[in-house]
């Protein structure tokens, strides 16, 4: 009874967490956009740039949206790849 009333008043924990993280997700989406124009080598170089920026004192919290955006773009590219084999081309395993 009390739990039900609390959930109606404050929402479920998962809903509160989602609402709290929504601005971060929007930052990640905005940070991801420029990475689409980079080639694979430039994406790899970004990782080294993030390491250098962190070593220079930038916090991981500040790097998080860009780093997640980079991972998002790398995963998108990997999911769209095709592999060549004896029987022709096939989607990358797991896609």
Protein backbone atom coordinates (compact mmCIF):
# COMPACT_ATOMS: atom_id res chain seq x y z
CA UNK A 1 0.00 0.00 0.00
CA UNK A 2 2.67 2.51 1.02
CA UNK A 3 4.95 1.34 -1.79
CA UNK A 4 2.14 1.84 -4.29
CA UNK A 5 1.48 5.35 -3.03
CA UNK A 6 5.19 6.21 -3.13
CA UNK A 7 5.45 4.97 -6.71
CA UNK A 8 2.47 7.06 -7.75
CA UNK A 9 3.94 10.10 -6.06
CA UNK A 10 7.60 9.75 -7.09
CA UNK A 11 7.52 7.18 -9.91
CA UNK A 12 9.45 3.95 -10.15
CA UNK A 13 13.21 4.01 -9.64
CA UNK A 14 13.84 3.02 -13.25
CA UNK A 15 11.70 5.95 -14.43
CA UNK A 16 13.54 8.36 -12.14
CA UNK A 17 16.90 7.02 -13.32
CA UNK A 18 15.88 7.38 -16.96
CA UNK A 19 14.69 10.93 -16.39
CA UNK A 20 17.95 11.78 -14.61
CA UNK A 21 20.08 10.30 -17.42
CA UNK A 22 18.06 11.74 -20.32
CA UNK A 23 20.15 14.96 -20.55
CA UNK A 24 23.34 12.87 -20.68
CA UNK A 25 21.89 10.77 -23.50
CA UNK A 26 21.10 13.94 -25.44
CA UNK A 27 24.70 15.13 -24.94
CA UNK A 28 26.00 11.80 -26.24
CA UNK A 29 23.77 12.07 -29.31
CA UNK A 30 25.05 15.58 -30.04
CA UNK A 31 28.66 14.53 -29.47
CA UNK A 32 28.27 11.55 -31.82
CA UNK A 33 27.29 13.57 -34.89
CA UNK A 34 30.77 14.89 -35.86
CA UNK A 35 32.30 11.41 -35.64
CA UNK A 36 30.27 10.20 -38.63
CA UNK A 37 32.46 12.33 -40.92
CA UNK A 38 35.74 10.84 -39.64
CA UNK A 39 37.47 7.87 -41.19
CA UNK A 40 38.46 4.82 -39.13
CA UNK A 41 42.01 6.08 -38.49
CA UNK A 42 40.70 9.42 -37.25
CA UNK A 43 38.34 7.58 -34.88
CA UNK A 44 41.30 5.64 -33.47
CA UNK A 45 43.21 8.91 -33.04
CA UNK A 46 40.30 10.31 -31.01
CA UNK A 47 40.88 7.61 -28.40
CA UNK A 48 44.46 8.79 -27.97
CA UNK A 49 43.21 12.39 -27.80
CA UNK A 50 40.83 11.43 -24.97
CA UNK A 51 43.69 9.76 -23.08
CA UNK A 52 45.86 12.85 -23.49
CA UNK A 53 43.07 15.19 -22.39
CA UNK A 54 42.46 13.05 -19.30
CA UNK A 55 46.19 13.02 -18.52
CA UNK A 56 46.14 16.83 -18.85
CA UNK A 57 43.52 17.00 -16.11
CA UNK A 58 40.15 16.82 -17.87
CA UNK A 59 37.76 14.72 -15.81
CA UNK A 60 36.26 11.49 -17.08
CA UNK A 61 32.80 12.94 -16.45
CA UNK A 62 33.62 15.73 -18.90
CA UNK A 63 34.93 13.25 -21.48
CA UNK A 64 32.04 10.81 -21.09
CA UNK A 65 29.59 12.20 -23.68
CA UNK A 66 32.27 12.41 -26.37
CA UNK A 67 33.72 9.00 -25.51
CA UNK A 68 30.31 7.33 -25.59
CA UNK A 69 29.53 9.13 -28.85
CA UNK A 70 32.75 7.74 -30.32
CA UNK A 71 31.90 4.21 -29.18
CA UNK A 72 28.37 4.58 -30.58
CA UNK A 73 29.77 5.54 -33.99
CA UNK A 74 32.35 2.73 -33.94
CA UNK A 75 29.65 0.19 -33.07
CA UNK A 76 27.39 1.51 -35.83
CA UNK A 77 30.18 1.06 -38.36
CA UNK A 78 31.00 -2.42 -37.14
CA UNK A 79 27.35 -3.47 -37.29
CA UNK A 80 27.13 -2.36 -40.94
CA UNK A 81 30.26 -4.22 -42.08
CA UNK A 82 30.16 -7.30 -44.21
CA UNK A 83 32.73 -10.07 -44.26
CA UNK A 84 33.96 -11.96 -47.32
CA UNK A 85 34.21 -15.73 -47.25
CA UNK A 86 34.29 -18.68 -49.61
CA UNK A 87 30.53 -18.58 -50.04
CA UNK A 88 30.38 -14.84 -50.75
CA UNK A 89 29.77 -11.90 -48.48
CA UNK A 90 27.80 -12.05 -45.27
CA UNK A 91 26.89 -9.57 -42.56
CA UNK A 92 29.39 -9.14 -39.76
CA UNK A 93 28.69 -11.83 -37.12
CA UNK A 94 26.17 -10.65 -34.59
CA UNK A 95 24.34 -8.28 -36.93
